[in-house]
Amino acid sequence: MRRLGDGGRKYLDRPISVPSKPMSDILKPASVVALLTLVILAPSIQDVLTDEAYKYVDDSESAHDGLPVEWENKQVICVFFPADTPQGEEFSKGVTMIDADGVELGENQNLNGTGACVGGFEGYSNGLDFMMDSTRSARGTLSVGYDVGQWGHYVHTIGGLNADAMKGDFNGAYWNLDHNGGVSMVGIGDLVMSEGDVISWSIETW
């Protein structure tokens, strides 16, 4: 050790104390970055989990083909919108599956269409009753408008898309009703439903 003067001992080789940042201050920026990364990736992670969580019926002979397997033997309604309409753009990723309680189960991008299916119902025997109750589960996105005339109930609007008001390279348009994969021979008001039935609506033109 070296002495400096007579006033006591001073040590030149004593470590110099440098104030350091608390560990909490170092971790704060890292935590913010991790949180922002999680927020950005959350939708993608949710999509992956949804795709893995819900399996779809793979049976071309079944009216439930492409629908969630948990809807087998349940009543389902599907509405398909033309892709070039605002409604079609809203469901542009594919066909959205909505459970009877209003919860979205996922989207089947492999179905040939854009729209939504609502399913998981039981016990309906009248088509119109089923249609009105099931579409309410979609919380307004599939609201129905119809008239009653001499031929029964005529559905002109679903989800805000009025077939009578559509314009294009055609004479007219209408909402077509399919029942278990085939064109229904009766209107929705006269349709008798059984357990496991699937009805679907799509725009047709002439």
Protein backbone atom coordinates (compact mmCIF):
# COMPACT_ATOMS: atom_id res chain seq x y z
CA MET A 1 0.00 0.00 0.00
CA ARG A 2 1.17 3.57 -0.66
CA ARG A 3 0.86 6.40 1.87
CA LEU A 4 -0.01 9.95 0.92
CA GLY A 5 1.02 12.50 3.49
CA ASP A 6 0.84 12.25 7.22
CA GLY A 7 -2.89 12.45 7.62
CA GLY A 8 -3.63 8.81 7.71
CA ARG A 9 -3.71 6.10 5.16
CA LYS A 10 -5.30 6.48 1.75
CA TYR A 11 -5.51 3.45 -0.53
CA LEU A 12 -5.23 4.10 -4.23
CA ASP A 13 -6.11 0.53 -5.08
CA ARG A 14 -9.47 0.65 -3.31
CA PRO A 15 -12.29 -0.25 -5.77
CA ILE A 16 -14.23 2.72 -7.04
CA SER A 17 -17.94 2.45 -6.28
CA VAL A 18 -20.10 3.02 -9.39
CA PRO A 19 -23.84 3.46 -8.82
CA SER A 20 -25.74 0.75 -10.67
CA LYS A 21 -29.35 0.68 -11.88
CA PRO A 22 -31.78 -1.43 -9.88
CA MET A 23 -32.62 -4.73 -11.56
CA SER A 24 -36.28 -3.64 -11.76
CA ASP A 25 -35.29 -0.73 -14.03
CA ILE A 26 -33.47 -3.11 -16.36
CA LEU A 27 -36.38 -5.52 -16.53
CA LYS A 28 -39.04 -2.88 -17.25
CA PRO A 29 -38.10 -2.32 -20.93
CA ALA A 30 -37.86 -6.07 -21.51
CA SER A 31 -41.29 -6.59 -19.98
CA VAL A 32 -42.79 -3.91 -22.23
CA VAL A 33 -41.27 -5.52 -25.33
CA ALA A 34 -42.54 -8.95 -24.29
CA LEU A 35 -46.04 -7.56 -23.66
CA LEU A 36 -46.16 -5.79 -27.03
CA THR A 37 -45.01 -8.97 -28.79
CA LEU A 38 -47.74 -10.97 -27.08
CA VAL A 39 -50.42 -8.42 -28.06
CA ILE A 40 -49.27 -8.47 -31.69
CA LEU A 41 -49.15 -12.26 -31.90
CA ALA A 42 -52.33 -12.94 -29.91
CA PRO A 43 -54.72 -13.00 -32.93
CA SER A 44 -52.45 -15.41 -34.83
CA ILE A 45 -52.10 -17.65 -31.81
CA GLN A 46 -55.87 -17.62 -31.32
CA ASP A 47 -56.43 -18.58 -34.97
CA VAL A 48 -54.07 -21.52 -34.66
CA LEU A 49 -55.67 -22.71 -31.44
CA THR A 50 -59.14 -22.35 -32.95
CA ASP A 51 -58.19 -24.33 -36.05
CA GLU A 52 -56.77 -27.09 -33.88
CA ALA A 53 -59.66 -27.08 -31.43
CA TYR A 54 -62.51 -27.51 -33.93
CA LYS A 55 -62.72 -30.35 -36.38
CA TYR A 56 -65.12 -30.43 -39.28
CA VAL A 57 -67.21 -33.22 -40.73
CA ASP A 58 -65.51 -34.71 -43.79
CA ASP A 59 -68.31 -36.57 -45.57
CA SER A 60 -69.51 -35.36 -48.96
CA GLU A 61 -72.66 -37.47 -48.60
CA SER A 62 -73.70 -35.73 -45.39
CA ALA A 63 -75.61 -32.45 -45.11
CA HIS A 64 -73.21 -31.67 -42.25
CA ASP A 65 -70.14 -31.84 -44.50
CA GLY A 66 -67.78 -29.02 -43.53
CA LEU A 67 -69.63 -28.24 -40.30
CA PRO A 68 -68.21 -28.73 -36.79
CA VAL A 69 -68.32 -32.38 -35.72
CA GLU A 70 -70.09 -31.39 -32.53
CA TRP A 71 -73.06 -30.31 -34.65
CA GLU A 72 -73.65 -33.76 -36.09
CA ASN A 73 -77.29 -34.77 -35.53
CA LYS A 74 -78.04 -31.15 -34.59
CA GLN A 75 -80.08 -28.60 -36.52
CA VAL A 76 -78.10 -26.00 -38.46
CA ILE A 77 -78.79 -22.97 -40.64
CA CYS A 78 -76.23 -21.54 -43.09
CA VAL A 79 -76.36 -18.29 -45.03
CA PHE A 80 -74.01 -17.75 -47.97
CA PHE A 81 -73.44 -14.24 -49.29
CA PRO A 82 -72.05 -13.31 -52.72
CA ALA A 83 -68.39 -12.37 -52.28
CA ASP A 84 -68.86 -9.00 -54.00
CA THR A 85 -71.41 -7.73 -51.47
CA PRO A 86 -70.66 -5.92 -48.19
CA GLN A 87 -71.92 -9.00 -46.32
CA GLY A 88 -69.61 -11.24 -48.32
CA GLU A 89 -66.68 -8.97 -47.54
CA GLU A 90 -67.53 -9.15 -43.83
CA PHE A 91 -67.18 -12.94 -43.96
CA SER A 92 -64.40 -12.91 -46.54
CA LYS A 93 -62.16 -15.38 -44.68
CA GLY A 94 -64.59 -18.23 -45.20
CA VAL A 95 -67.68 -19.54 -43.43
CA THR A 96 -67.94 -18.48 -39.79
CA MET A 97 -69.32 -21.11 -37.40
CA ILE A 98 -71.51 -19.73 -34.61
CA ASP A 99 -72.78 -21.94 -31.81
CA ALA A 100 -76.35 -21.80 -30.52
CA ASP A 101 -75.25 -19.59 -27.61
CA GLY A 102 -73.73 -17.01 -29.97
CA VAL A 103 -70.09 -18.01 -29.51
CA GLU A 104 -67.97 -18.09 -32.67
CA LEU A 105 -66.30 -21.48 -32.97
CA GLY A 106 -64.05 -20.63 -35.89
CA GLU A 107 -63.98 -20.27 -39.65
CA ASN A 108 -63.90 -23.05 -42.20
CA GLN A 109 -61.91 -21.62 -45.09
CA ASN A 110 -62.28 -24.82 -47.10
CA LEU A 111 -66.00 -24.40 -47.70
CA ASN A 112 -66.83 -22.93 -51.08
CA GLY A 113 -68.49 -19.76 -49.92
CA THR A 114 -68.53 -16.71 -47.69
CA GLY A 115 -71.08 -16.45 -44.92
CA ALA A 116 -72.02 -17.99 -41.61
CA CYS A 117 -73.58 -21.12 -40.15
CA VAL A 118 -75.38 -21.23 -36.82
CA GLY A 119 -75.86 -24.66 -35.30
CA GLY A 120 -76.22 -26.94 -32.34
CA PHE A 121 -80.02 -26.72 -32.07
CA GLU A 122 -82.57 -29.39 -31.26
CA GLY A 123 -86.31 -29.78 -31.12
CA TYR A 124 -87.51 -27.49 -33.92
CA SER A 125 -90.20 -28.77 -36.26
CA ASN A 126 -91.20 -25.57 -38.11
CA GLY A 127 -88.67 -24.04 -40.49
CA LEU A 128 -89.62 -20.42 -39.92
CA ASP A 129 -89.48 -20.74 -36.13
CA PHE A 130 -86.06 -22.32 -36.40
CA MET A 131 -84.79 -19.70 -38.81
CA MET A 132 -85.90 -16.73 -36.72
CA ASP A 133 -84.56 -18.16 -33.44
CA SER A 134 -81.26 -19.43 -34.82
CA THR A 135 -80.35 -16.27 -36.70
CA ARG A 136 -80.82 -14.23 -33.52
CA SER A 137 -77.80 -16.09 -32.13
CA ALA A 138 -75.69 -14.26 -34.73
CA ARG A 139 -76.52 -11.00 -32.94
CA GLY A 140 -77.80 -9.01 -35.86
CA THR A 141 -75.44 -10.12 -38.63
CA LEU A 142 -78.09 -12.52 -40.02
CA SER A 143 -81.30 -10.60 -39.31
CA VAL A 144 -84.23 -11.74 -41.46
CA GLY A 145 -86.85 -9.77 -43.34
CA TYR A 146 -89.86 -11.41 -45.02
CA ASP A 147 -93.34 -10.77 -46.39
CA VAL A 148 -96.42 -12.96 -46.18
CA GLY A 149 -98.44 -13.34 -49.35
CA GLN A 150 -100.73 -15.81 -51.05
CA TRP A 151 -97.81 -18.22 -51.49
CA GLY A 152 -96.77 -18.01 -47.86
CA HIS A 153 -93.64 -16.50 -46.37
CA TYR A 154 -91.25 -14.85 -48.81
CA VAL A 155 -87.78 -14.10 -47.41
CA HIS A 156 -86.35 -11.05 -49.18
CA THR A 157 -83.59 -9.94 -46.79
CA ILE A 158 -80.96 -11.74 -44.73
CA GLY A 159 -78.16 -9.93 -42.95
CA GLY A 160 -79.16 -6.65 -44.58
CA LEU A 161 -78.89 -8.05 -48.12
CA ASN A 162 -82.20 -7.51 -49.91
CA ALA A 163 -82.37 -9.77 -52.95
CA ASP A 164 -85.06 -7.58 -54.54
CA ALA A 165 -82.71 -4.59 -54.53
CA MET A 166 -79.69 -6.32 -56.08
CA LYS A 167 -78.43 -4.96 -59.38
CA GLY A 168 -76.20 -6.60 -61.95
CA ASP A 169 -76.05 -8.47 -65.22
CA PHE A 170 -79.27 -10.36 -64.49
CA ASN A 171 -83.01 -9.80 -64.54
CA GLY A 172 -83.60 -10.44 -60.85
CA ALA A 173 -82.37 -12.18 -57.73
CA TYR A 174 -83.89 -14.14 -54.86
CA TRP A 175 -82.92 -16.02 -51.73
CA ASN A 176 -82.90 -19.75 -52.48
CA LEU A 177 -83.66 -22.27 -49.73
CA ASP A 178 -81.90 -25.64 -49.58
CA HIS A 179 -82.92 -28.43 -47.22
CA ASN A 180 -80.33 -31.11 -46.42
CA GLY A 181 -78.36 -30.32 -49.54
CA GLY A 182 -81.24 -30.16 -52.02
CA VAL A 183 -83.60 -27.42 -53.12
CA SER A 184 -86.57 -27.21 -50.77
CA MET A 185 -89.89 -28.04 -52.39
CA VAL A 186 -91.77 -25.81 -49.93
CA GLY A 187 -91.27 -22.35 -48.46
CA ILE A 188 -89.65 -21.76 -45.09
CA GLY A 189 -93.06 -21.28 -43.40
CA ASP A 190 -94.22 -24.74 -44.50
CA LEU A 191 -90.93 -26.55 -44.02
CA VAL A 192 -91.16 -29.45 -41.55
CA MET A 193 -87.86 -30.04 -39.83
CA SER A 194 -86.43 -33.13 -38.17
CA GLU A 195 -83.50 -33.61 -35.81
CA GLY A 196 -80.18 -33.17 -37.61
CA ASP A 197 -81.63 -31.13 -40.49
CA VAL A 198 -79.50 -28.49 -42.22
CA ILE A 199 -81.05 -25.60 -44.12
CA SER A 200 -79.09 -23.08 -46.13
CA TRP A 201 -79.80 -19.86 -47.98
CA SER A 202 -77.96 -18.46 -50.98
CA ILE A 203 -78.58 -15.84 -53.65
CA GLU A 204 -79.75 -17.10 -57.04
CA THR A 205 -80.38 -14.98 -60.14
CA TRP A 206 -82.30 -15.25 -63.38
